[in-house]
Amino acid sequence: MNIEQENFSVEVIYALPTQQKRVQVKVAPGTTCIEAVELSEMTNFFPDIDLENVKLGIFSRLVKHTEVLVPGQRVEIYRPLIADPKDVRRKRAEKAKDEGRINKITGAKI
């Protein structure tokens, strides 16, 4: 049997602020990211994962559901953002301005 035709392992990971789950799955060559997520049965542990709309990544790189896996990769299931990072930073800057911790004209620290 050719090495390229053998099954190989990939890891599927999902994390919440309080817990995480890592599942190792054996996949056949040509398996896509979403198929690996389905094989991991991660939705049994976290039923709120919407497989239709979930964002996936491989080592912090956003990928399409149809991307084909290679040996040793880790498929990451991403959660939706709770808050927009730009809004959070803007509110933090406004608060600092109100508290007098920054110059109201230039925005520099006092």
Protein backbone atom coordinates (compact mmCIF):
# COMPACT_ATOMS: atom_id res chain seq x y z
CA MET A 1 0.00 0.00 0.00
CA ASN A 2 1.26 3.47 -0.88
CA ILE A 3 1.98 5.82 2.06
CA GLU A 4 -0.18 8.54 0.45
CA GLN A 5 -3.23 6.26 0.59
CA GLU A 6 -3.00 5.44 4.31
CA ASN A 7 -5.18 7.08 6.92
CA PHE A 8 -3.54 9.72 9.09
CA SER A 9 -4.30 11.61 12.31
CA VAL A 10 -5.47 15.18 12.66
CA GLU A 11 -6.59 17.04 15.74
CA VAL A 12 -9.86 18.94 16.10
CA ILE A 13 -10.03 21.55 18.86
CA TYR A 14 -12.73 23.80 20.30
CA ALA A 15 -12.33 26.13 23.26
CA LEU A 16 -14.63 28.14 25.47
CA PRO A 17 -13.46 30.61 28.14
CA THR A 18 -13.82 27.93 30.83
CA GLN A 19 -13.11 24.68 28.99
CA GLN A 20 -11.57 23.16 25.89
CA LYS A 21 -11.83 19.87 24.04
CA ARG A 22 -9.20 18.26 21.80
CA VAL A 23 -10.10 15.21 19.76
CA GLN A 24 -7.69 13.15 17.65
CA VAL A 25 -9.32 11.58 14.58
CA LYS A 26 -8.04 9.24 11.86
CA VAL A 27 -8.97 10.47 8.39
CA ALA A 28 -8.47 9.24 4.87
CA PRO A 29 -6.55 11.24 2.27
CA GLY A 30 -8.83 13.81 0.67
CA THR A 31 -10.81 14.48 3.86
CA THR A 32 -11.96 18.09 4.21
CA CYS A 33 -11.88 20.23 7.34
CA ILE A 34 -15.64 20.06 7.92
CA GLU A 35 -15.61 16.27 7.50
CA ALA A 36 -12.93 16.02 10.20
CA VAL A 37 -15.06 18.17 12.52
CA GLU A 38 -18.03 15.89 11.88
CA LEU A 39 -15.89 12.80 12.55
CA SER A 40 -14.70 14.28 15.84
CA GLU A 41 -18.32 14.44 17.04
CA MET A 42 -17.52 17.75 18.71
CA THR A 43 -21.20 18.72 18.54
CA ASN A 44 -21.94 15.96 21.08
CA PHE A 45 -19.86 17.91 23.61
CA PHE A 46 -20.86 21.39 22.43
CA PRO A 47 -24.34 21.28 20.83
CA ASP A 48 -24.31 25.04 20.19
CA ILE A 49 -21.79 24.62 17.33
CA ASP A 50 -23.54 25.38 14.04
CA LEU A 51 -21.70 23.24 11.47
CA GLU A 52 -23.31 25.11 8.57
CA ASN A 53 -21.93 28.53 9.54
CA VAL A 54 -18.98 27.79 11.83
CA LYS A 55 -15.60 29.35 10.99
CA LEU A 56 -12.66 26.95 10.86
CA GLY A 57 -8.92 27.43 10.92
CA ILE A 58 -5.70 25.46 10.71
CA PHE A 59 -3.03 26.76 13.10
CA SER A 60 -4.68 30.22 13.36
CA ARG A 61 -5.23 30.55 9.58
CA LEU A 62 -8.86 30.87 8.51
CA VAL A 63 -9.78 28.13 6.00
CA LYS A 64 -12.77 27.09 3.92
CA HIS A 65 -14.83 24.07 4.97
CA THR A 66 -13.75 22.31 1.79
CA GLU A 67 -9.98 22.61 2.33
CA VAL A 68 -8.32 19.18 2.19
CA LEU A 69 -6.30 18.12 5.22
CA VAL A 70 -2.74 16.83 5.31
CA PRO A 71 -1.13 14.75 8.10
CA GLY A 72 -0.40 16.52 11.38
CA GLN A 73 -2.78 19.45 10.96
CA ARG A 74 -5.01 20.83 13.71
CA VAL A 75 -8.50 22.00 12.77
CA GLU A 76 -9.67 24.81 15.04
CA ILE A 77 -13.36 25.60 15.48
CA TYR A 78 -13.81 29.32 16.09
CA ARG A 79 -16.51 30.90 18.25
CA PRO A 80 -18.27 34.09 17.17
CA LEU A 81 -16.90 37.28 18.74
CA ILE A 82 -18.80 38.54 21.78
CA ALA A 83 -17.83 42.18 21.16
CA ASP A 84 -16.27 44.12 18.31
CA PRO A 85 -12.63 44.80 19.28
CA LYS A 86 -12.75 48.29 17.76
CA ASP A 87 -15.77 49.24 19.87
CA VAL A 88 -14.10 47.92 23.03
CA ARG A 89 -10.95 49.97 22.36
CA ARG A 90 -13.00 53.09 21.55
CA LYS A 91 -14.94 52.79 24.84
CA ARG A 92 -11.72 52.25 26.80
CA ALA A 93 -10.22 55.40 25.24
CA GLU A 94 -13.35 57.44 26.02
CA LYS A 95 -13.27 56.25 29.63
CA ALA A 96 -9.60 57.24 29.97
CA LYS A 97 -10.42 60.66 28.54
CA ASP A 98 -13.30 61.12 31.00
CA GLU A 99 -11.09 60.07 33.92
CA GLY A 100 -8.38 62.52 32.90
CA ARG A 101 -5.74 59.88 32.17
CA ILE A 102 -5.12 61.17 28.63
CA ASN A 103 -4.92 64.58 26.97
CA LYS A 104 -8.37 65.38 25.57
CA ILE A 105 -6.93 67.07 22.48
CA THR A 106 -3.97 64.92 21.44
CA GLY A 107 -4.96 61.61 23.06
CA ALA A 108 -1.49 61.22 24.59
CA LYS A 109 -1.04 59.91 28.12
CA ILE A 110 -0.66 62.52 30.83
